[in-house]
PDB file of all heavy atoms in Angstrom:
ATOM      1  N   GLY A   1      53.481  37.293 -67.286  1.00  0.00           N
ATOM      2  CA  GLY A   1      54.352  36.462 -66.469  1.00  0.00           C
ATOM      3  C   GLY A   1      55.559  35.952 -67.231  1.00  0.00           C
ATOM      4  O   GLY A   1      56.660  35.830 -66.678  1.00  0.00           O
ATOM      5  N   LEU A   2      55.382  35.656 -68.527  1.00  0.00           N
ATOM      6  CA  LEU A   2      56.494  35.155 -69.338  1.00  0.00           C
ATOM      7  C   LEU A   2      57.626  36.170 -69.457  1.00  0.00           C
ATOM      8  O   LEU A   2      58.774  35.796 -69.689  1.00  0.00           O
ATOM      9  CB  LEU A   2      55.991  34.772 -70.732  1.00  0.00           C
ATOM     10  CG  LEU A   2      55.122  33.520 -70.832  1.00  0.00           C
ATOM     11  CD1 LEU A   2      54.655  33.310 -72.274  1.00  0.00           C
ATOM     12  CD2 LEU A   2      55.852  32.292 -70.333  1.00  0.00           C
ATOM     13  N   GLU A   3      57.306  37.447 -69.287  1.00  0.00           N
ATOM     14  CA  GLU A   3      58.332  38.481 -69.402  1.00  0.00           C
ATOM     15  C   GLU A   3      59.418  38.333 -68.337  1.00  0.00           C
ATOM     16  O   GLU A   3      60.565  38.713 -68.560  1.00  0.00           O
ATOM     17  CB  GLU A   3      57.693  39.871 -69.308  1.00  0.00           C
ATOM     18  CG  GLU A   3      56.771  40.191 -70.472  1.00  0.00           C
ATOM     19  CD  GLU A   3      56.158  41.572 -70.391  1.00  0.00           C
ATOM     20  OE1 GLU A   3      56.262  42.221 -69.326  1.00  0.00           O
ATOM     21  OE2 GLU A   3      55.571  42.006 -71.400  1.00  0.00           O
ATOM     22  N   THR A   4      59.063  37.797 -67.184  1.00  0.00           N
ATOM     23  CA  THR A   4      60.028  37.660 -66.089  1.00  0.00           C
ATOM     24  C   THR A   4      60.368  36.199 -65.796  1.00  0.00           C
ATOM     25  O   THR A   4      60.990  35.900 -64.778  1.00  0.00           O
ATOM     26  CB  THR A   4      59.476  38.314 -64.808  1.00  0.00           C
ATOM     27  OG1 THR A   4      58.228  37.673 -64.450  1.00  0.00           O
ATOM     28  CG2 THR A   4      59.227  39.795 -65.008  1.00  0.00           C
ATOM     29  N   LEU A   5      59.950  35.275 -66.682  1.00  0.00           N
ATOM     30  CA  LEU A   5      60.115  33.847 -66.406  1.00  0.00           C
ATOM     31  C   LEU A   5      61.573  33.471 -66.154  1.00  0.00           C
ATOM     32  O   LEU A   5      61.881  32.758 -65.193  1.00  0.00           O
ATOM     33  CB  LEU A   5      59.552  33.030 -67.573  1.00  0.00           C
ATOM     34  CG  LEU A   5      59.641  31.509 -67.419  1.00  0.00           C
ATOM     35  CD1 LEU A   5      58.793  31.035 -66.257  1.00  0.00           C
ATOM     36  CD2 LEU A   5      59.200  30.803 -68.703  1.00  0.00           C
ATOM     37  N   LYS A   6      62.471  33.919 -66.989  1.00  0.00           N
ATOM     38  CA  LYS A   6      63.870  33.501 -66.878  1.00  0.00           C
ATOM     39  C   LYS A   6      64.477  33.912 -65.544  1.00  0.00           C
ATOM     40  O   LYS A   6      65.073  33.080 -64.842  1.00  0.00           O
ATOM     41  CB  LYS A   6      64.695  34.074 -68.022  1.00  0.00           C
ATOM     42  CG  LYS A   6      66.138  33.576 -68.063  1.00  0.00           C
ATOM     43  CD  LYS A   6      66.857  34.074 -69.301  1.00  0.00           C
ATOM     44  CE  LYS A   6      68.248  33.456 -69.419  1.00  0.00           C
ATOM     45  NZ  LYS A   6      69.149  33.922 -68.356  1.00  0.00           N
ATOM     46  N   ILE A   7      64.320  35.147 -65.164  1.00  0.00           N
ATOM     47  CA  ILE A   7      64.951  35.598 -63.906  1.00  0.00           C
ATOM     48  C   ILE A   7      64.268  34.968 -62.700  1.00  0.00           C
ATOM     49  O   ILE A   7      64.924  34.666 -61.695  1.00  0.00           O
ATOM     50  CB  ILE A   7      64.965  37.136 -63.793  1.00  0.00           C
ATOM     51  CG1 ILE A   7      63.553  37.723 -63.875  1.00  0.00           C
ATOM     52  CG2 ILE A   7      65.857  37.742 -64.853  1.00  0.00           C
ATOM     53  CD1 ILE A   7      63.508  39.225 -63.629  1.00  0.00           C
ATOM     54  N   ARG A   8      62.961  34.714 -62.796  1.00  0.00           N
ATOM     55  CA  ARG A   8      62.278  34.070 -61.678  1.00  0.00           C
ATOM     56  C   ARG A   8      62.720  32.628 -61.508  1.00  0.00           C
ATOM     57  O   ARG A   8      63.054  32.184 -60.405  1.00  0.00           O
ATOM     58  CB  ARG A   8      60.760  34.128 -61.874  1.00  0.00           C
ATOM     59  CG  ARG A   8      60.144  35.483 -61.624  1.00  0.00           C
ATOM     60  CD  ARG A   8      58.633  35.431 -61.641  1.00  0.00           C
ATOM     61  NE  ARG A   8      58.071  35.200 -62.975  1.00  0.00           N
ATOM     62  CZ  ARG A   8      57.579  34.057 -63.416  1.00  0.00           C
ATOM     63  NH1 ARG A   8      57.584  32.972 -62.628  1.00  0.00           N
ATOM     64  NH2 ARG A   8      57.080  33.954 -64.639  1.00  0.00           N
ATOM     65  N   VAL A   9      62.724  31.859 -62.605  1.00  0.00           N
ATOM     66  CA  VAL A   9      63.062  30.440 -62.521  1.00  0.00           C
ATOM     67  C   VAL A   9      64.509  30.257 -62.060  1.00  0.00           C
ATOM     68  O   VAL A   9      64.812  29.357 -61.264  1.00  0.00           O
ATOM     69  CB  VAL A   9      62.811  29.745 -63.875  1.00  0.00           C
ATOM     70  CG1 VAL A   9      63.419  28.347 -63.897  1.00  0.00           C
ATOM     71  CG2 VAL A   9      61.314  29.663 -64.146  1.00  0.00           C
ATOM     72  N   GLU A  10      65.396  31.089 -62.537  1.00  0.00           N
ATOM     73  CA  GLU A  10      66.788  30.992 -62.101  1.00  0.00           C
ATOM     74  C   GLU A  10      66.914  31.272 -60.605  1.00  0.00           C
ATOM     75  O   GLU A  10      67.688  30.605 -59.899  1.00  0.00           O
ATOM     76  CB  GLU A  10      67.653  31.960 -62.909  1.00  0.00           C
ATOM     77  CG  GLU A  10      67.851  31.517 -64.353  1.00  0.00           C
ATOM     78  CD  GLU A  10      68.577  32.533 -65.199  1.00  0.00           C
ATOM     79  OE1 GLU A  10      68.718  33.695 -64.750  1.00  0.00           O
ATOM     80  OE2 GLU A  10      69.000  32.178 -66.318  1.00  0.00           O
ATOM     81  N   THR A  11      66.132  32.225 -60.089  1.00  0.00           N
ATOM     82  CA  THR A  11      66.173  32.519 -58.658  1.00  0.00           C
ATOM     83  C   THR A  11      65.517  31.413 -57.845  1.00  0.00           C
ATOM     84  O   THR A  11      66.042  31.000 -56.804  1.00  0.00           O
ATOM     85  CB  THR A  11      65.484  33.867 -58.378  1.00  0.00           C
ATOM     86  OG1 THR A  11      66.111  34.891 -59.146  1.00  0.00           O
ATOM     87  CG2 THR A  11      65.576  34.229 -56.898  1.00  0.00           C
ATOM     88  N   HIS A  12      64.355  30.914 -58.304  1.00  0.00           N
ATOM     89  CA  HIS A  12      63.722  29.767 -57.639  1.00  0.00           C
ATOM     90  C   HIS A  12      64.724  28.625 -57.504  1.00  0.00           C
ATOM     91  O   HIS A  12      64.840  27.986 -56.451  1.00  0.00           O
ATOM     92  CB  HIS A  12      62.525  29.268 -58.460  1.00  0.00           C
ATOM     93  CG  HIS A  12      61.283  30.088 -58.349  1.00  0.00           C
ATOM     94  ND1 HIS A  12      60.587  30.232 -57.171  1.00  0.00           N
ATOM     95  CD2 HIS A  12      60.590  30.787 -59.283  1.00  0.00           C
ATOM     96  CE1 HIS A  12      59.518  30.996 -57.374  1.00  0.00           C
ATOM     97  NE2 HIS A  12      59.503  31.348 -58.653  1.00  0.00           N
ATOM     98  N   SER A  13      65.434  28.342 -58.584  1.00  0.00           N
ATOM     99  CA  SER A  13      66.351  27.218 -58.618  1.00  0.00           C
ATOM    100  C   SER A  13      67.532  27.424 -57.667  1.00  0.00           C
ATOM    101  O   SER A  13      67.934  26.497 -56.952  1.00  0.00           O
ATOM    102  CB  SER A  13      66.851  27.014 -60.053  1.00  0.00           C
ATOM    103  OG  SER A  13      67.511  25.787 -60.196  1.00  0.00           O
ATOM    104  N   ALA A  14      68.071  28.611 -57.645  1.00  0.00           N
ATOM    105  CA  ALA A  14      69.192  28.906 -56.739  1.00  0.00           C
ATOM    106  C   ALA A  14      68.756  28.774 -55.288  1.00  0.00           C
ATOM    107  O   ALA A  14      69.484  28.219 -54.444  1.00  0.00           O
ATOM    108  CB  ALA A  14      69.734  30.303 -57.017  1.00  0.00           C
ATOM    109  N   HIS A  15      67.567  29.287 -54.963  1.00  0.00           N
ATOM    110  CA  HIS A  15      67.046  29.184 -53.602  1.00  0.00           C
ATOM    111  C   HIS A  15      66.765  27.732 -53.226  1.00  0.00           C
ATOM    112  O   HIS A  15      67.016  27.309 -52.091  1.00  0.00           O
ATOM    113  CB  HIS A  15      65.767  30.008 -53.468  1.00  0.00           C
ATOM    114  CG  HIS A  15      66.000  31.477 -53.428  1.00  0.00           C
ATOM    115  ND1 HIS A  15      64.999  32.395 -53.135  1.00  0.00           N
ATOM    116  CD2 HIS A  15      67.108  32.218 -53.657  1.00  0.00           C
ATOM    117  CE1 HIS A  15      65.492  33.611 -53.179  1.00  0.00           C
ATOM    118  NE2 HIS A  15      66.763  33.530 -53.505  1.00  0.00           N
ATOM    119  N   ALA A  16      66.234  26.961 -54.181  1.00  0.00           N
ATOM    120  CA  ALA A  16      65.898  25.561 -53.902  1.00  0.00           C
ATOM    121  C   ALA A  16      67.145  24.750 -53.594  1.00  0.00           C
ATOM    122  O   ALA A  16      67.125  23.868 -52.719  1.00  0.00           O
ATOM    123  CB  ALA A  16      65.145  24.958 -55.089  1.00  0.00           C
ATOM    124  N   LEU A  17      68.242  25.008 -54.301  1.00  0.00           N
ATOM    125  CA  LEU A  17      69.479  24.288 -54.025  1.00  0.00           C
ATOM    126  C   LEU A  17      69.959  24.567 -52.603  1.00  0.00           C
ATOM    127  O   LEU A  17      70.350  23.640 -51.873  1.00  0.00           O
ATOM    128  CB  LEU A  17      70.553  24.678 -55.032  1.00  0.00           C
ATOM    129  CG  LEU A  17      71.932  24.032 -54.828  1.00  0.00           C
ATOM    130  CD1 LEU A  17      71.836  22.514 -54.871  1.00  0.00           C
ATOM    131  CD2 LEU A  17      72.924  24.543 -55.867  1.00  0.00           C
ATOM    132  N   GLN A  18      69.899  25.820 -52.186  1.00  0.00           N
ATOM    133  CA  GLN A  18      70.285  26.159 -50.814  1.00  0.00           C
ATOM    134  C   GLN A  18      69.380  25.455 -49.804  1.00  0.00           C
ATOM    135  O   GLN A  18      69.861  24.940 -48.782  1.00  0.00           O
ATOM    136  CB  GLN A  18      70.210  27.672 -50.604  1.00  0.00           C
ATOM    137  CG  GLN A  18      71.212  28.483 -51.385  1.00  0.00           C
ATOM    138  CD  GLN A  18      71.031  29.967 -51.125  1.00  0.00           C
ATOM    139  OE1 GLN A  18      71.111  30.435 -49.988  1.00  0.00           O
ATOM    140  NE2 GLN A  18      70.767  30.728 -52.181  1.00  0.00           N
ATOM    141  N   MET A  19      68.086  25.430 -50.096  1.00  0.00           N
ATOM    142  CA  MET A  19      67.139  24.787 -49.199  1.00  0.00           C
ATOM    143  C   MET A  19      67.401  23.283 -49.123  1.00  0.00           C
ATOM    144  O   MET A  19      67.367  22.679 -48.041  1.00  0.00           O
ATOM    145  CB  MET A  19      65.709  25.063 -49.663  1.00  0.00           C
ATOM    146  CG  MET A  19      64.636  24.443 -48.790  1.00  0.00           C
ATOM    147  SD  MET A  19      64.627  25.099 -47.097  1.00  0.00           S
ATOM    148  CE  MET A  19      63.859  26.697 -47.402  1.00  0.00           C
ATOM    149  N   ALA A  20      67.650  22.654 -50.265  1.00  0.00           N
ATOM    150  CA  ALA A  20      67.893  21.210 -50.297  1.00  0.00           C
ATOM    151  C   ALA A  20      69.154  20.855 -49.515  1.00  0.00           C
ATOM    152  O   ALA A  20      69.175  19.864 -48.763  1.00  0.00           O
ATOM    153  CB  ALA A  20      68.009  20.741 -51.744  1.00  0.00           C
ATOM    154  N   GLN A  21      70.204  21.639 -49.673  1.00  0.00           N
ATOM    155  CA  GLN A  21      71.444  21.381 -48.944  1.00  0.00           C
ATOM    156  C   GLN A  21      71.233  21.528 -47.439  1.00  0.00           C
ATOM    157  O   GLN A  21      71.756  20.728 -46.651  1.00  0.00           O
ATOM    158  CB  GLN A  21      72.542  22.333 -49.435  1.00  0.00           C
ATOM    159  CG  GLN A  21      72.984  22.055 -50.863  1.00  0.00           C
ATOM    160  CD  GLN A  21      73.855  23.160 -51.441  1.00  0.00           C
ATOM    161  OE1 GLN A  21      73.770  24.323 -51.024  1.00  0.00           O
ATOM    162  NE2 GLN A  21      74.665  22.813 -52.440  1.00  0.00           N
ATOM    163  N   TRP A  22      70.459  22.509 -47.039  1.00  0.00           N
ATOM    164  CA  TRP A  22      70.166  22.710 -45.614  1.00  0.00           C
ATOM    165  C   TRP A  22      69.323  21.561 -45.063  1.00  0.00           C
ATOM    166  O   TRP A  22      69.598  21.048 -43.965  1.00  0.00           O
ATOM    167  CB  TRP A  22      69.435  24.043 -45.437  1.00  0.00           C
ATOM    168  CG  TRP A  22      68.990  24.309 -44.040  1.00  0.00           C
ATOM    169  CD1 TRP A  22      69.744  24.782 -42.995  1.00  0.00           C
ATOM    170  CD2 TRP A  22      67.661  24.125 -43.518  1.00  0.00           C
ATOM    171  NE1 TRP A  22      68.975  24.899 -41.870  1.00  0.00           N
ATOM    172  CE2 TRP A  22      67.692  24.513 -42.150  1.00  0.00           C
ATOM    173  CE3 TRP A  22      66.468  23.701 -44.063  1.00  0.00           C
ATOM    174  CZ2 TRP A  22      66.558  24.454 -41.342  1.00  0.00           C
ATOM    175  CZ3 TRP A  22      65.338  23.641 -43.266  1.00  0.00           C
ATOM    176  CH2 TRP A  22      65.388  24.015 -41.914  1.00  0.00           C
ATOM    177  N   LEU A  23      68.327  21.127 -45.815  1.00  0.00           N
ATOM    178  CA  LEU A  23      67.464  20.034 -45.354  1.00  0.00           C
ATOM    179  C   LEU A  23      68.258  18.746 -45.166  1.00  0.00           C
ATOM    180  O   LEU A  23      67.977  17.959 -44.249  1.00  0.00           O
ATOM    181  CB  LEU A  23      66.320  19.810 -46.343  1.00  0.00           C
ATOM    182  CG  LEU A  23      65.164  20.820 -46.282  1.00  0.00           C
ATOM    183  CD1 LEU A  23      64.277  20.700 -47.524  1.00  0.00           C
ATOM    184  CD2 LEU A  23      64.338  20.623 -45.008  1.00  0.00           C
ATOM    185  N   GLU A  24      69.248  18.508 -46.010  1.00  0.00           N
ATOM    186  CA  GLU A  24      70.068  17.308 -45.857  1.00  0.00           C
ATOM    187  C   GLU A  24      70.814  17.284 -44.530  1.00  0.00           C
ATOM    188  O   GLU A  24      71.180  16.213 -44.035  1.00  0.00           O
ATOM    189  CB  GLU A  24      71.070  17.195 -47.015  1.00  0.00           C
ATOM    190  CG  GLU A  24      70.502  16.588 -48.279  1.00  0.00           C
ATOM    191  CD  GLU A  24      71.574  16.082 -49.220  1.00  0.00           C
ATOM    192  OE1 GLU A  24      72.571  16.802 -49.431  1.00  0.00           O
ATOM    193  OE2 GLU A  24      71.422  14.971 -49.760  1.00  0.00           O
TER     194      GLU A  24
END
């Protein structure tokens, strides 16, 4: 799992920002 951690976390974070803005 650590092999893909960076690309996963960066994508999670980008998606979460979009979700947070929409929820507001």
